[in-house]
Amino acid sequence: MIYEIHMGIPEMKEFWESLQIKAKSVNAKKEGVKLYKQIGKAMYLLSQNPRHPGLQSHEIDALTARYEAKVWESYLENNTPKAGRIFWLYGPDQGDITIIGIEPHPNDAKSNAYKRITLSRMGKEID
């Protein structure tokens, strides 16, 4: 099954569109281009197979409980300080995945680091 990828609205859609414009600019900064490529690759892999081994997707129980919807985390990168993570949900419709957050890895899971993560919304309120 191929999934259609959506950006959570309004924050994620605005962030993605802004990043696209900046990454394609003549004066693009290396970090922005790198992030754009990482997110683009992750979205492609999610659309093909959300359980792709390179994504290392897994449910985040603390966020699932907080938002009352299964919240998944996938890797943008690994083995780097503040490695990027992409947070997503299945939905709103069957065959859809909605990106609801892009954050550095919350390194300190033992001290409730996921409480500091704020996620965007899908087409409906999730918080």
PDB file of N, CA and C in Angstrom:
ATOM      1  N   MET A   1       0.847  -1.181   0.000  1.00  0.00           N
ATOM      2  CA  MET A   1       0.000   0.000   0.000  1.00  0.00           C
ATOM      3  C   MET A   1       0.892   1.243   0.000  1.00  0.00           C
ATOM      4  N   ILE A   2       0.567   2.178  -0.838  1.00  0.00           N
ATOM      5  CA  ILE A   2       1.254   3.469  -0.878  1.00  0.00           C
ATOM      6  C   ILE A   2       0.415   4.452  -0.063  1.00  0.00           C
ATOM      7  N   TYR A   3       1.068   5.137   0.880  1.00  0.00           N
ATOM      8  CA  TYR A   3       0.383   6.097   1.743  1.00  0.00           C
ATOM      9  C   TYR A   3       0.535   7.506   1.181  1.00  0.00           C
ATOM     10  N   GLU A   4      -0.510   8.292   1.352  1.00  0.00           N
ATOM     11  CA  GLU A   4      -0.447   9.707   1.001  1.00  0.00           C
ATOM     12  C   GLU A   4       0.016  10.465   2.236  1.00  0.00           C
ATOM     13  N   ILE A   5       1.039  11.287   2.065  1.00  0.00           N
ATOM     14  CA  ILE A   5       1.610  12.021   3.181  1.00  0.00           C
ATOM     15  C   ILE A   5       1.004  13.419   3.240  1.00  0.00           C
ATOM     16  N   HIS A   6       0.575  13.796   4.435  1.00  0.00           N
ATOM     17  CA  HIS A   6       0.026  15.132   4.687  1.00  0.00           C
ATOM     18  C   HIS A   6       0.867  15.789   5.771  1.00  0.00           C
ATOM     19  N   MET A   7       0.912  17.091   5.732  1.00  0.00           N
ATOM     20  CA  MET A   7       1.565  17.832   6.799  1.00  0.00           C
ATOM     21  C   MET A   7       0.477  18.308   7.746  1.00  0.00           C
ATOM     22  N   GLY A   8       0.707  18.139   9.053  1.00  0.00           N
ATOM     23  CA  GLY A   8      -0.249  18.629  10.047  1.00  0.00           C
ATOM     24  C   GLY A   8      -0.483  20.111   9.828  1.00  0.00           C
ATOM     25  N   ILE A   9      -1.689  20.543  10.044  1.00  0.00           N
ATOM     26  CA  ILE A   9      -2.003  21.940   9.772  1.00  0.00           C
ATOM     27  C   ILE A   9      -2.227  22.683  11.072  1.00  0.00           C
ATOM     28  N   PRO A  10      -1.899  23.951  11.137  1.00  0.00           N
ATOM     29  CA  PRO A  10      -1.235  24.746  10.109  1.00  0.00           C
ATOM     30  C   PRO A  10       0.285  24.724  10.217  1.00  0.00           C
ATOM     31  N   GLU A  11       0.811  24.398  11.370  1.00  0.00           N
ATOM     32  CA  GLU A  11       2.238  24.582  11.619  1.00  0.00           C
ATOM     33  C   GLU A  11       3.133  23.776  10.683  1.00  0.00           C
ATOM     34  N   MET A  12       2.867  22.505  10.518  1.00  0.00           N
ATOM     35  CA  MET A  12       3.748  21.648   9.735  1.00  0.00           C
ATOM     36  C   MET A  12       3.712  22.006   8.257  1.00  0.00           C
ATOM     37  N   LYS A  13       2.548  22.311   7.734  1.00  0.00           N
ATOM     38  CA  LYS A  13       2.443  22.679   6.323  1.00  0.00           C
ATOM     39  C   LYS A  13       3.248  23.955   6.047  1.00  0.00           C
ATOM     40  N   GLU A  14       3.108  24.943   6.919  1.00  0.00           N
ATOM     41  CA  GLU A  14       3.849  26.196   6.760  1.00  0.00           C
ATOM     42  C   GLU A  14       5.353  25.956   6.872  1.00  0.00           C
ATOM     43  N   PHE A  15       5.768  25.134   7.837  1.00  0.00           N
ATOM     44  CA  PHE A  15       7.174  24.826   8.019  1.00  0.00           C
ATOM     45  C   PHE A  15       7.744  24.157   6.775  1.00  0.00           C
ATOM     46  N   TRP A  16       7.049  23.153   6.238  1.00  0.00           N
ATOM     47  CA  TRP A  16       7.530  22.409   5.075  1.00  0.00           C
ATOM     48  C   TRP A  16       7.627  23.316   3.853  1.00  0.00           C
ATOM     49  N   GLU A  17       6.618  24.125   3.609  1.00  0.00           N
ATOM     50  CA  GLU A  17       6.631  25.021   2.450  1.00  0.00           C
ATOM     51  C   GLU A  17       7.761  26.047   2.567  1.00  0.00           C
ATOM     52  N   SER A  18       7.977  26.575   3.754  1.00  0.00           N
ATOM     53  CA  SER A  18       9.066  27.529   3.980  1.00  0.00           C
ATOM     54  C   SER A  18      10.425  26.861   3.767  1.00  0.00           C
ATOM     55  N   LEU A  19      10.576  25.647   4.271  1.00  0.00           N
ATOM     56  CA  LEU A  19      11.825  24.917   4.106  1.00  0.00           C
ATOM     57  C   LEU A  19      12.097  24.610   2.637  1.00  0.00           C
ATOM     58  N   GLN A  20      11.066  24.260   1.881  1.00  0.00           N
ATOM     59  CA  GLN A  20      11.226  24.002   0.444  1.00  0.00           C
ATOM     60  C   GLN A  20      11.767  25.238  -0.274  1.00  0.00           C
ATOM     61  N   ILE A  21      11.167  26.371   0.019  1.00  0.00           N
ATOM     62  CA  ILE A  21      11.579  27.618  -0.635  1.00  0.00           C
ATOM     63  C   ILE A  21      13.023  27.952  -0.279  1.00  0.00           C
ATOM     64  N   LYS A  22      13.357  27.865   1.009  1.00  0.00           N
ATOM     65  CA  LYS A  22      14.714  28.181   1.448  1.00  0.00           C
ATOM     66  C   LYS A  22      15.745  27.220   0.862  1.00  0.00           C
ATOM     67  N   ALA A  23      15.428  25.926   0.824  1.00  0.00           N
ATOM     68  CA  ALA A  23      16.376  24.919   0.338  1.00  0.00           C
ATOM     69  C   ALA A  23      16.648  25.069  -1.154  1.00  0.00           C
ATOM     70  N   LYS A  24      15.685  25.583  -1.899  1.00  0.00           N
ATOM     71  CA  LYS A  24      15.847  25.748  -3.345  1.00  0.00           C
ATOM     72  C   LYS A  24      16.395  27.114  -3.725  1.00  0.00           C
ATOM     73  N   SER A  25      16.610  27.962  -2.729  1.00  0.00           N
ATOM     74  CA  SER A  25      17.122  29.303  -2.956  1.00  0.00           C
ATOM     75  C   SER A  25      18.605  29.251  -3.326  1.00  0.00           C
ATOM     76  N   VAL A  26      19.035  30.231  -4.087  1.00  0.00           N
ATOM     77  CA  VAL A  26      20.444  30.343  -4.470  1.00  0.00           C
ATOM     78  C   VAL A  26      21.321  30.511  -3.229  1.00  0.00           C
ATOM     79  N   ASN A  27      20.810  31.183  -2.220  1.00  0.00           N
ATOM     80  CA  ASN A  27      21.564  31.453  -0.999  1.00  0.00           C
ATOM     81  C   ASN A  27      21.245  30.458   0.116  1.00  0.00           C
ATOM     82  N   ALA A  28      20.812  29.274  -0.236  1.00  0.00           N
ATOM     83  CA  ALA A  28      20.407  28.279   0.757  1.00  0.00           C
ATOM     84  C   ALA A  28      21.566  27.921   1.680  1.00  0.00           C
ATOM     85  N   LYS A  29      21.251  27.795   2.954  1.00  0.00           N
ATOM     86  CA  LYS A  29      22.253  27.377   3.933  1.00  0.00           C
ATOM     87  C   LYS A  29      22.337  25.856   3.936  1.00  0.00           C
ATOM     88  N   LYS A  30      23.534  25.354   4.174  1.00  0.00           N
ATOM     89  CA  LYS A  30      23.794  23.917   4.130  1.00  0.00           C
ATOM     90  C   LYS A  30      22.868  23.138   5.079  1.00  0.00           C
ATOM     91  N   GLU A  31      22.642  23.673   6.281  1.00  0.00           N
ATOM     92  CA  GLU A  31      21.802  22.982   7.264  1.00  0.00           C
ATOM     93  C   GLU A  31      20.361  22.853   6.772  1.00  0.00           C
ATOM     94  N   GLY A  32      19.849  23.915   6.149  1.00  0.00           N
ATOM     95  CA  GLY A  32      18.484  23.888   5.637  1.00  0.00           C
ATOM     96  C   GLY A  32      18.310  22.893   4.492  1.00  0.00           C
ATOM     97  N   VAL A  33      19.296  22.850   3.607  1.00  0.00           N
ATOM     98  CA  VAL A  33      19.250  21.905   2.485  1.00  0.00           C
ATOM     99  C   VAL A  33      19.307  20.471   3.020  1.00  0.00           C
ATOM    100  N   LYS A  34      20.174  20.245   4.012  1.00  0.00           N
ATOM    101  CA  LYS A  34      20.302  18.911   4.608  1.00  0.00           C
ATOM    102  C   LYS A  34      18.981  18.478   5.246  1.00  0.00           C
ATOM    103  N   LEU A  35      18.359  19.360   6.027  1.00  0.00           N
ATOM    104  CA  LEU A  35      17.093  19.048   6.673  1.00  0.00           C
ATOM    105  C   LEU A  35      16.004  18.779   5.640  1.00  0.00           C
ATOM    106  N   TYR A  36      15.962  19.598   4.591  1.00  0.00           N
ATOM    107  CA  TYR A  36      14.978  19.408   3.522  1.00  0.00           C
ATOM    108  C   TYR A  36      15.126  18.020   2.895  1.00  0.00           C
ATOM    109  N   LYS A  37      16.360  17.612   2.614  1.00  0.00           N
ATOM    110  CA  LYS A  37      16.599  16.299   2.020  1.00  0.00           C
ATOM    111  C   LYS A  37      16.238  15.173   2.986  1.00  0.00           C
ATOM    112  N   GLN A  38      16.573  15.340   4.258  1.00  0.00           N
ATOM    113  CA  GLN A  38      16.251  14.314   5.242  1.00  0.00           C
ATOM    114  C   GLN A  38      14.742  14.127   5.388  1.00  0.00           C
ATOM    115  N   ILE A  39      14.020  15.226   5.489  1.00  0.00           N
ATOM    116  CA  ILE A  39      12.566  15.139   5.633  1.00  0.00           C
ATOM    117  C   ILE A  39      11.952  14.567   4.364  1.00  0.00           C
ATOM    118  N   GLY A  40      12.420  15.016   3.207  1.00  0.00           N
ATOM    119  CA  GLY A  40      11.905  14.492   1.939  1.00  0.00           C
ATOM    120  C   GLY A  40      12.115  12.995   1.826  1.00  0.00           C
ATOM    121  N   LYS A  41      13.301  12.523   2.190  1.00  0.00           N
ATOM    122  CA  LYS A  41      13.578  11.083   2.141  1.00  0.00           C
ATOM    123  C   LYS A  41      12.683  10.333   3.122  1.00  0.00           C
ATOM    124  N   ALA A  42      12.544  10.858   4.337  1.00  0.00           N
ATOM    125  CA  ALA A  42      11.688  10.199   5.331  1.00  0.00           C
ATOM    126  C   ALA A  42      10.242  10.132   4.863  1.00  0.00           C
ATOM    127  N   MET A  43       9.745  11.211   4.260  1.00  0.00           N
ATOM    128  CA  MET A  43       8.362  11.203   3.767  1.00  0.00           C
ATOM    129  C   MET A  43       8.200  10.189   2.643  1.00  0.00           C
ATOM    130  N   TYR A  44       9.192  10.096   1.768  1.00  0.00           N
ATOM    131  CA  TYR A  44       9.127   9.093   0.697  1.00  0.00           C
ATOM    132  C   TYR A  44       9.097   7.685   1.295  1.00  0.00           C
ATOM    133  N   LEU A  45      10.004   7.403   2.230  1.00  0.00           N
ATOM    134  CA  LEU A  45      10.032   6.077   2.837  1.00  0.00           C
ATOM    135  C   LEU A  45       8.739   5.775   3.596  1.00  0.00           C
ATOM    136  N   LEU A  46       8.207   6.771   4.311  1.00  0.00           N
ATOM    137  CA  LEU A  46       6.925   6.581   4.990  1.00  0.00           C
ATOM    138  C   LEU A  46       5.815   6.253   4.005  1.00  0.00           C
ATOM    139  N   SER A  47       5.812   6.933   2.870  1.00  0.00           N
ATOM    140  CA  SER A  47       4.755   6.692   1.881  1.00  0.00           C
ATOM    141  C   SER A  47       4.838   5.286   1.299  1.00  0.00           C
ATOM    142  N   GLN A  48       6.044   4.752   1.209  1.00  0.00           N
ATOM    143  CA  GLN A  48       6.233   3.414   0.640  1.00  0.00           C
ATOM    144  C   GLN A  48       6.027   2.311   1.676  1.00  0.00           C
ATOM    145  N   ASN A  49       6.541   2.548   2.900  1.00  0.00           N
ATOM    146  CA  ASN A  49       6.486   1.534   3.940  1.00  0.00           C
ATOM    147  C   ASN A  49       6.810   2.193   5.278  1.00  0.00           C
ATOM    148  N   PRO A  50       5.798   2.529   6.089  1.00  0.00           N
ATOM    149  CA  PRO A  50       6.064   3.186   7.370  1.00  0.00           C
ATOM    150  C   PRO A  50       6.978   2.380   8.297  1.00  0.00           C
ATOM    151  N   ARG A  51       7.108   1.108   8.043  1.00  0.00           N
ATOM    152  CA  ARG A  51       7.970   0.259   8.876  1.00  0.00           C
ATOM    153  C   ARG A  51       9.315  -0.033   8.198  1.00  0.00           C
ATOM    154  N   HIS A  52       9.697   0.799   7.253  1.00  0.00           N
ATOM    155  CA  HIS A  52      10.987   0.645   6.584  1.00  0.00           C
ATOM    156  C   HIS A  52      12.086   0.611   7.651  1.00  0.00           C
ATOM    157  N   PRO A  53      13.021  -0.336   7.572  1.00  0.00           N
ATOM    158  CA  PRO A  53      14.047  -0.462   8.609  1.00  0.00           C
ATOM    159  C   PRO A  53      14.862   0.812   8.845  1.00  0.00           C
ATOM    160  N   GLY A  54      15.115   1.589   7.815  1.00  0.00           N
ATOM    161  CA  GLY A  54      15.903   2.805   7.966  1.00  0.00           C
ATOM    162  C   GLY A  54      15.206   3.870   8.793  1.00  0.00           C
ATOM    163  N   LEU A  55      13.882   3.818   8.850  1.00  0.00           N
ATOM    164  CA  LEU A  55      13.127   4.796   9.633  1.00  0.00           C
ATOM    165  C   LEU A  55      13.093   4.442  11.115  1.00  0.00           C
ATOM    166  N   GLN A  56      13.229   3.171  11.419  1.00  0.00           N
ATOM    167  CA  GLN A  56      13.127   2.668  12.787  1.00  0.00           C
ATOM    168  C   GLN A  56      11.880   3.219  13.481  1.00  0.00           C
ATOM    169  N   SER A  57      10.747   3.188  12.786  1.00  0.00           N
ATOM    170  CA  SER A  57       9.488   3.715  13.313  1.00  0.00           C
ATOM    171  C   SER A  57       9.029   2.923  14.526  1.00  0.00           C
ATOM    172  N   HIS A  58       8.549   3.661  15.519  1.00  0.00           N
ATOM    173  CA  HIS A  58       8.001   3.027  16.704  1.00  0.00           C
ATOM    174  C   HIS A  58       7.032   3.988  17.387  1.00  0.00           C
ATOM    175  N   GLU A  59       6.040   3.403  18.051  1.00  0.00           N
ATOM    176  CA  GLU A  59       5.056   4.207  18.763  1.00  0.00           C
ATOM    177  C   GLU A  59       5.699   4.820  20.007  1.00  0.00           C
ATOM    178  N   ILE A  60       5.303   6.040  20.324  1.00  0.00           N
ATOM    179  CA  ILE A  60       5.767   6.720  21.530  1.00  0.00           C
ATOM    180  C   ILE A  60       4.602   6.753  22.510  1.00  0.00           C
ATOM    181  N   ASP A  61       4.654   5.865  23.481  1.00  0.00           N
ATOM    182  CA  ASP A  61       3.542   5.696  24.423  1.00  0.00           C
ATOM    183  C   ASP A  61       3.174   6.983  25.151  1.00  0.00           C
ATOM    184  N   ALA A  62       4.170   7.762  25.559  1.00  0.00           N
ATOM    185  CA  ALA A  62       3.893   8.998  26.300  1.00  0.00           C
ATOM    186  C   ALA A  62       3.093   9.986  25.447  1.00  0.00           C
ATOM    187  N   LEU A  63       3.418  10.076  24.163  1.00  0.00           N
ATOM    188  CA  LEU A  63       2.686  10.993  23.278  1.00  0.00           C
ATOM    189  C   LEU A  63       1.330  10.413  22.890  1.00  0.00           C
ATOM    190  N   THR A  64       1.261   9.109  22.711  1.00  0.00           N
ATOM    191  CA  THR A  64      -0.021   8.456  22.419  1.00  0.00           C
ATOM    192  C   THR A  64      -1.001   8.720  23.555  1.00  0.00           C
ATOM    193  N   ALA A  65      -0.558   8.584  24.788  1.00  0.00           N
ATOM    194  CA  ALA A  65      -1.430   8.828  25.939  1.00  0.00           C
ATOM    195  C   ALA A  65      -1.850  10.296  26.005  1.00  0.00           C
ATOM    196  N   ARG A  66      -0.920  11.195  25.738  1.00  0.00           N
ATOM    197  CA  ARG A  66      -1.209  12.630  25.832  1.00  0.00           C
ATOM    198  C   ARG A  66      -2.177  13.097  24.752  1.00  0.00           C
ATOM    199  N   TYR A  67      -2.012  12.603  23.526  1.00  0.00           N
ATOM    200  CA  TYR A  67      -2.831  13.066  22.409  1.00  0.00           C
ATOM    201  C   TYR A  67      -4.011  12.147  22.100  1.00  0.00           C
ATOM    202  N   GLU A  68      -4.109  11.031  22.801  1.00  0.00           N
ATOM    203  CA  GLU A  68      -5.205  10.074  22.630  1.00  0.00           C
ATOM    204  C   GLU A  68      -5.333   9.602  21.187  1.00  0.00           C
ATOM    205  N   ALA A  69      -4.193   9.443  20.543  1.00  0.00           N
ATOM    206  CA  ALA A  69      -4.090   8.892  19.192  1.00  0.00           C
ATOM    207  C   ALA A  69      -2.700   8.285  19.092  1.00  0.00           C
ATOM    208  N   LYS A  70      -2.540   7.192  18.370  1.00  0.00           N
ATOM    209  CA  LYS A  70      -1.227   6.561  18.266  1.00  0.00           C
ATOM    210  C   LYS A  70      -0.253   7.499  17.559  1.00  0.00           C
ATOM    211  N   VAL A  71       0.771   7.920  18.289  1.00  0.00           N
ATOM    212  CA  VAL A  71       1.793   8.811  17.755  1.00  0.00           C
ATOM    213  C   VAL A  71       3.056   7.977  17.525  1.00  0.00           C
ATOM    214  N   TRP A  72       3.574   8.073  16.305  1.00  0.00           N
ATOM    215  CA  TRP A  72       4.756   7.312  15.904  1.00  0.00           C
ATOM    216  C   TRP A  72       5.939   8.249  15.746  1.00  0.00           C
ATOM    217  N   GLU A  73       7.122   7.713  15.968  1.00  0.00           N
ATOM    218  CA  GLU A  73       8.365   8.452  15.768  1.00  0.00           C
ATOM    219  C   GLU A  73       9.207   7.682  14.766  1.00  0.00           C
ATOM    220  N   SER A  74       9.791   8.401  13.814  1.00  0.00           N
ATOM    221  CA  SER A  74      10.711   7.804  12.846  1.00  0.00           C
ATOM    222  C   SER A  74      11.973   8.650  12.797  1.00  0.00           C
ATOM    223  N   TYR A  75      13.063   8.020  12.417  1.00  0.00           N
ATOM    224  CA  TYR A  75      14.358   8.685  12.388  1.00  0.00           C
ATOM    225  C   TYR A  75      14.534   9.510  11.113  1.00  0.00           C
ATOM    226  N   LEU A  76      15.052  10.727  11.278  1.00  0.00           N
ATOM    227  CA  LEU A  76      15.552  11.505  10.149  1.00  0.00           C
ATOM    228  C   LEU A  76      17.039  11.239   9.998  1.00  0.00           C
ATOM    229  N   GLU A  77      17.676  10.977  11.115  1.00  0.00           N
ATOM    230  CA  GLU A  77      19.096  10.678  11.157  1.00  0.00           C
ATOM    231  C   GLU A  77      19.361   9.937  12.459  1.00  0.00           C
ATOM    232  N   ASN A  78      20.552   9.391  12.566  1.00  0.00           N
ATOM    233  CA  ASN A  78      20.903   8.636  13.757  1.00  0.00           C
ATOM    234  C   ASN A  78      22.375   8.864  14.076  1.00  0.00           C
ATOM    235  N   ASN A  79      22.759   8.569  15.292  1.00  0.00           N
ATOM    236  CA  ASN A  79      24.158   8.650  15.727  1.00  0.00           C
ATOM    237  C   ASN A  79      24.779  10.029  15.548  1.00  0.00           C
ATOM    238  N   THR A  80      23.976  11.061  15.733  1.00  0.00           N
ATOM    239  CA  THR A  80      24.478  12.426  15.729  1.00  0.00           C
ATOM    240  C   THR A  80      23.844  13.154  16.914  1.00  0.00           C
ATOM    241  N   PRO A  81      24.521  14.168  17.459  1.00  0.00           N
ATOM    242  CA  PRO A  81      23.897  14.922  18.550  1.00  0.00           C
ATOM    243  C   PRO A  81      22.591  15.551  18.065  1.00  0.00           C
ATOM    244  N   LYS A  82      21.589  15.489  18.883  1.00  0.00           N
ATOM    245  CA  LYS A  82      20.279  16.073  18.543  1.00  0.00           C
ATOM    246  C   LYS A  82      19.717  15.510  17.246  1.00  0.00           C
ATOM    247  N   ALA A  83      19.905  14.227  17.009  1.00  0.00           N
ATOM    248  CA  ALA A  83      19.420  13.579  15.788  1.00  0.00           C
ATOM    249  C   ALA A  83      17.939  13.880  15.581  1.00  0.00           C
ATOM    250  N   GLY A  84      17.574  14.256  14.357  1.00  0.00           N
ATOM    251  CA  GLY A  84      16.201  14.636  14.053  1.00  0.00           C
ATOM    252  C   GLY A  84      15.236  13.466  14.084  1.00  0.00           C
ATOM    253  N   ARG A  85      14.034  13.756  14.544  1.00  0.00           N
ATOM    254  CA  ARG A  85      12.963  12.771  14.576  1.00  0.00           C
ATOM    255  C   ARG A  85      11.724  13.387  13.943  1.00  0.00           C
ATOM    256  N   ILE A  86      10.949  12.545  13.298  1.00  0.00           N
ATOM    257  CA  ILE A  86       9.695  12.974  12.687  1.00  0.00           C
ATOM    258  C   ILE A  86       8.577  12.235  13.410  1.00  0.00           C
ATOM    259  N   PHE A  87       7.550  12.967  13.821  1.00  0.00           N
ATOM    260  CA  PHE A  87       6.428  12.394  14.544  1.00  0.00           C
ATOM    261  C   PHE A  87       5.213  12.400  13.620  1.00  0.00           C
ATOM    262  N   TRP A  88       4.452  11.318  13.647  1.00  0.00           N
ATOM    263  CA  TRP A  88       3.354  11.190  12.699  1.00  0.00           C
ATOM    264  C   TRP A  88       2.246  10.293  13.242  1.00  0.00           C
ATOM    265  N   LEU A  89       1.109  10.387  12.554  1.00  0.00           N
ATOM    266  CA  LEU A  89      -0.078   9.582  12.860  1.00  0.00           C
ATOM    267  C   LEU A  89      -0.584   8.952  11.569  1.00  0.00           C
ATOM    268  N   TYR A  90      -1.259   7.834  11.693  1.00  0.00           N
ATOM    269  CA  TYR A  90      -2.027   7.328  10.562  1.00  0.00           C
ATOM    270  C   TYR A  90      -3.304   8.158  10.498  1.00  0.00           C
ATOM    271  N   GLY A  91      -3.709   8.559   9.286  1.00  0.00           N
ATOM    272  CA  GLY A  91      -4.960   9.283   9.139  1.00  0.00           C
ATOM    273  C   GLY A  91      -4.742  10.663   8.560  1.00  0.00           C
ATOM    274  N   PRO A  92      -5.775  11.436   8.319  1.00  0.00           N
ATOM    275  CA  PRO A  92      -7.108  11.260   8.871  1.00  0.00           C
ATOM    276  C   PRO A  92      -7.937  10.166   8.197  1.00  0.00           C
ATOM    277  N   ASP A  93      -7.606   9.816   6.965  1.00  0.00           N
ATOM    278  CA  ASP A  93      -8.349   8.769   6.260  1.00  0.00           C
ATOM    279  C   ASP A  93      -7.464   7.545   6.093  1.00  0.00           C
ATOM    280  N   GLN A  94      -8.082   6.433   5.739  1.00  0.00           N
ATOM    281  CA  GLN A  94      -7.315   5.217   5.488  1.00  0.00           C
ATOM    282  C   GLN A  94      -6.353   5.486   4.325  1.00  0.00           C
ATOM    283  N   GLY A  95      -5.124   5.043   4.465  1.00  0.00           N
ATOM    284  CA  GLY A  95      -4.124   5.270   3.429  1.00  0.00           C
ATOM    285  C   GLY A  95      -3.403   6.601   3.558  1.00  0.00           C
ATOM    286  N   ASP A  96      -3.656   7.331   4.662  1.00  0.00           N
ATOM    287  CA  ASP A  96      -3.018   8.623   4.902  1.00  0.00           C
ATOM    288  C   ASP A  96      -2.061   8.522   6.080  1.00  0.00           C
ATOM    289  N   ILE A  97      -1.009   9.308   6.014  1.00  0.00           N
ATOM    290  CA  ILE A  97      -0.114   9.545   7.136  1.00  0.00           C
ATOM    291  C   ILE A  97       0.023  11.050   7.262  1.00  0.00           C
ATOM    292  N   THR A  98      -0.098  11.554   8.494  1.00  0.00           N
ATOM    293  CA  THR A  98       0.020  12.986   8.739  1.00  0.00           C
ATOM    294  C   THR A  98       1.222  13.257   9.635  1.00  0.00           C
ATOM    295  N   ILE A  99       2.131  14.077   9.134  1.00  0.00           N
ATOM    296  CA  ILE A  99       3.311  14.499   9.882  1.00  0.00           C
ATOM    297  C   ILE A  99       2.861  15.572  10.868  1.00  0.00           C
ATOM    298  N   ILE A 100       3.140  15.368  12.151  1.00  0.00           N
ATOM    299  CA  ILE A 100       2.666  16.311  13.163  1.00  0.00           C
ATOM    300  C   ILE A 100       3.799  16.940  13.974  1.00  0.00           C
ATOM    301  N   GLY A 101       5.027  16.569  13.670  1.00  0.00           N
ATOM    302  CA  GLY A 101       6.128  17.187  14.384  1.00  0.00           C
ATOM    303  C   GLY A 101       7.478  16.768  13.839  1.00  0.00           C
ATOM    304  N   ILE A 102       8.431  17.673  13.890  1.00  0.00           N
ATOM    305  CA  ILE A 102       9.825  17.395  13.549  1.00  0.00           C
ATOM    306  C   ILE A 102      10.642  18.041  14.653  1.00  0.00           C
ATOM    307  N   GLU A 103      11.381  17.220  15.370  1.00  0.00           N
ATOM    308  CA  GLU A 103      12.090  17.680  16.556  1.00  0.00           C
ATOM    309  C   GLU A 103      13.440  16.988  16.654  1.00  0.00           C
ATOM    310  N   PRO A 104      14.378  17.588  17.393  1.00  0.00           N
ATOM    311  CA  PRO A 104      15.584  16.837  17.752  1.00  0.00           C
ATOM    312  C   PRO A 104      15.176  15.708  18.688  1.00  0.00           C
ATOM    313  N   HIS A 105      15.942  14.650  18.717  1.00  0.00           N
ATOM    314  CA  HIS A 105      15.628  13.530  19.591  1.00  0.00           C
ATOM    315  C   HIS A 105      15.630  13.997  21.040  1.00  0.00           C
ATOM    316  N   PRO A 106      14.559  13.675  21.772  1.00  0.00           N
ATOM    317  CA  PRO A 106      14.538  14.022  23.200  1.00  0.00           C
ATOM    318  C   PRO A 106      15.414  13.025  23.959  1.00  0.00           C
ATOM    319  N   ASN A 107      16.682  13.329  24.104  1.00  0.00           N
ATOM    320  CA  ASN A 107      17.676  12.399  24.631  1.00  0.00           C
ATOM    321  C   ASN A 107      17.360  11.813  25.989  1.00  0.00           C
ATOM    322  N   ASP A 108      16.664  12.533  26.802  1.00  0.00           N
ATOM    323  CA  ASP A 108      16.503  12.097  28.179  1.00  0.00           C
ATOM    324  C   ASP A 108      15.101  11.548  28.431  1.00  0.00           C
ATOM    325  N   ALA A 109      14.799  10.400  27.872  1.00  0.00           N
ATOM    326  CA  ALA A 109      13.466   9.806  28.026  1.00  0.00           C
ATOM    327  C   ALA A 109      13.159   9.485  29.481  1.00  0.00           C
ATOM    328  N   LYS A 110      14.179   9.259  30.292  1.00  0.00           N
ATOM    329  CA  LYS A 110      13.964   8.907  31.695  1.00  0.00           C
ATOM    330  C   LYS A 110      13.390  10.060  32.502  1.00  0.00           C
ATOM    331  N   SER A 111      13.602  11.281  32.059  1.00  0.00           N
ATOM    332  CA  SER A 111      13.065  12.424  32.811  1.00  0.00           C
ATOM    333  C   SER A 111      11.907  13.069  32.059  1.00  0.00           C
ATOM    334  N   ASN A 112      11.109  12.250  31.409  1.00  0.00           N
ATOM    335  CA  ASN A 112       9.899  12.720  30.726  1.00  0.00           C
ATOM    336  C   ASN A 112      10.182  13.738  29.629  1.00  0.00           C
ATOM    337  N   ALA A 113      11.223  13.513  28.841  1.00  0.00           N
ATOM    338  CA  ALA A 113      11.605  14.441  27.781  1.00  0.00           C
ATOM    339  C   ALA A 113      10.493  14.629  26.758  1.00  0.00           C
ATOM    340  N   TYR A 114       9.665  13.614  26.548  1.00  0.00           N
ATOM    341  CA  TYR A 114       8.593  13.742  25.559  1.00  0.00           C
ATOM    342  C   TYR A 114       7.530  14.750  25.990  1.00  0.00           C
ATOM    343  N   LYS A 115       7.498  15.124  27.252  1.00  0.00           N
ATOM    344  CA  LYS A 115       6.554  16.153  27.693  1.00  0.00           C
ATOM    345  C   LYS A 115       6.880  17.509  27.080  1.00  0.00           C
ATOM    346  N   ARG A 116       8.141  17.703  26.687  1.00  0.00           N
ATOM    347  CA  ARG A 116       8.555  18.989  26.101  1.00  0.00           C
ATOM    348  C   ARG A 116       8.210  19.099  24.616  1.00  0.00           C
ATOM    349  N   ILE A 117       7.781  18.010  24.006  1.00  0.00           N
ATOM    350  CA  ILE A 117       7.482  18.028  22.575  1.00  0.00           C
ATOM    351  C   ILE A 117       6.050  18.495  22.361  1.00  0.00           C
ATOM    352  N   THR A 118       5.900  19.474  21.482  1.00  0.00           N
ATOM    353  CA  THR A 118       4.583  19.982  21.117  1.00  0.00           C
ATOM    354  C   THR A 118       4.322  19.608  19.670  1.00  0.00           C
ATOM    355  N   LEU A 119       3.221  18.941  19.439  1.00  0.00           N
ATOM    356  CA  LEU A 119       2.891  18.474  18.096  1.00  0.00           C
ATOM    357  C   LEU A 119       1.814  19.346  17.487  1.00  0.00           C
ATOM    358  N   SER A 120       1.795  19.369  16.150  1.00  0.00           N
ATOM    359  CA  SER A 120       0.776  20.134  15.446  1.00  0.00           C
ATOM    360  C   SER A 120      -0.522  19.341  15.407  1.00  0.00           C
ATOM    361  N   ARG A 121      -1.465  19.829  14.681  1.00  0.00           N
ATOM    362  CA  ARG A 121      -2.768  19.168  14.560  1.00  0.00           C
ATOM    363  C   ARG A 121      -2.915  18.533  13.182  1.00  0.00           C
ATOM    364  N   MET A 122      -3.826  17.555  13.132  1.00  0.00           N
ATOM    365  CA  MET A 122      -4.233  17.036  11.822  1.00  0.00           C
ATOM    366  C   MET A 122      -5.356  17.950  11.365  1.00  0.00           C
ATOM    367  N   GLY A 123      -6.262  17.440  10.561  1.00  0.00           N
ATOM    368  CA  GLY A 123      -7.400  18.225  10.113  1.00  0.00           C
ATOM    369  C   GLY A 123      -8.396  18.460  11.223  1.00  0.00           C
ATOM    370  N   LYS A 124      -8.204  17.783  12.353  1.00  0.00           N
ATOM    371  CA  LYS A 124      -9.069  17.944  13.508  1.00  0.00           C
ATOM    372  C   LYS A 124      -8.192  18.159  14.731  1.00  0.00           C
ATOM    373  N   GLU A 125      -8.779  18.590  15.820  1.00  0.00           N
ATOM    374  CA  GLU A 125      -8.024  18.777  17.052  1.00  0.00           C
ATOM    375  C   GLU A 125      -7.553  17.428  17.565  1.00  0.00           C
ATOM    376  N   ILE A 126      -6.288  17.349  18.002  1.00  0.00           N
ATOM    377  CA  ILE A 126      -5.825  16.118  18.621  1.00  0.00           C
ATOM    378  C   ILE A 126      -5.426  16.342  20.062  1.00  0.00           C
ATOM    379  N   ASP A 127      -5.522  17.564  20.548  1.00  0.00           N
ATOM    380  CA  ASP A 127      -5.154  17.773  21.945  1.00  0.00           C
ATOM    381  C   ASP A 127      -6.273  18.421  22.715  1.00  0.00           C
TER     382      ASP A 127
END
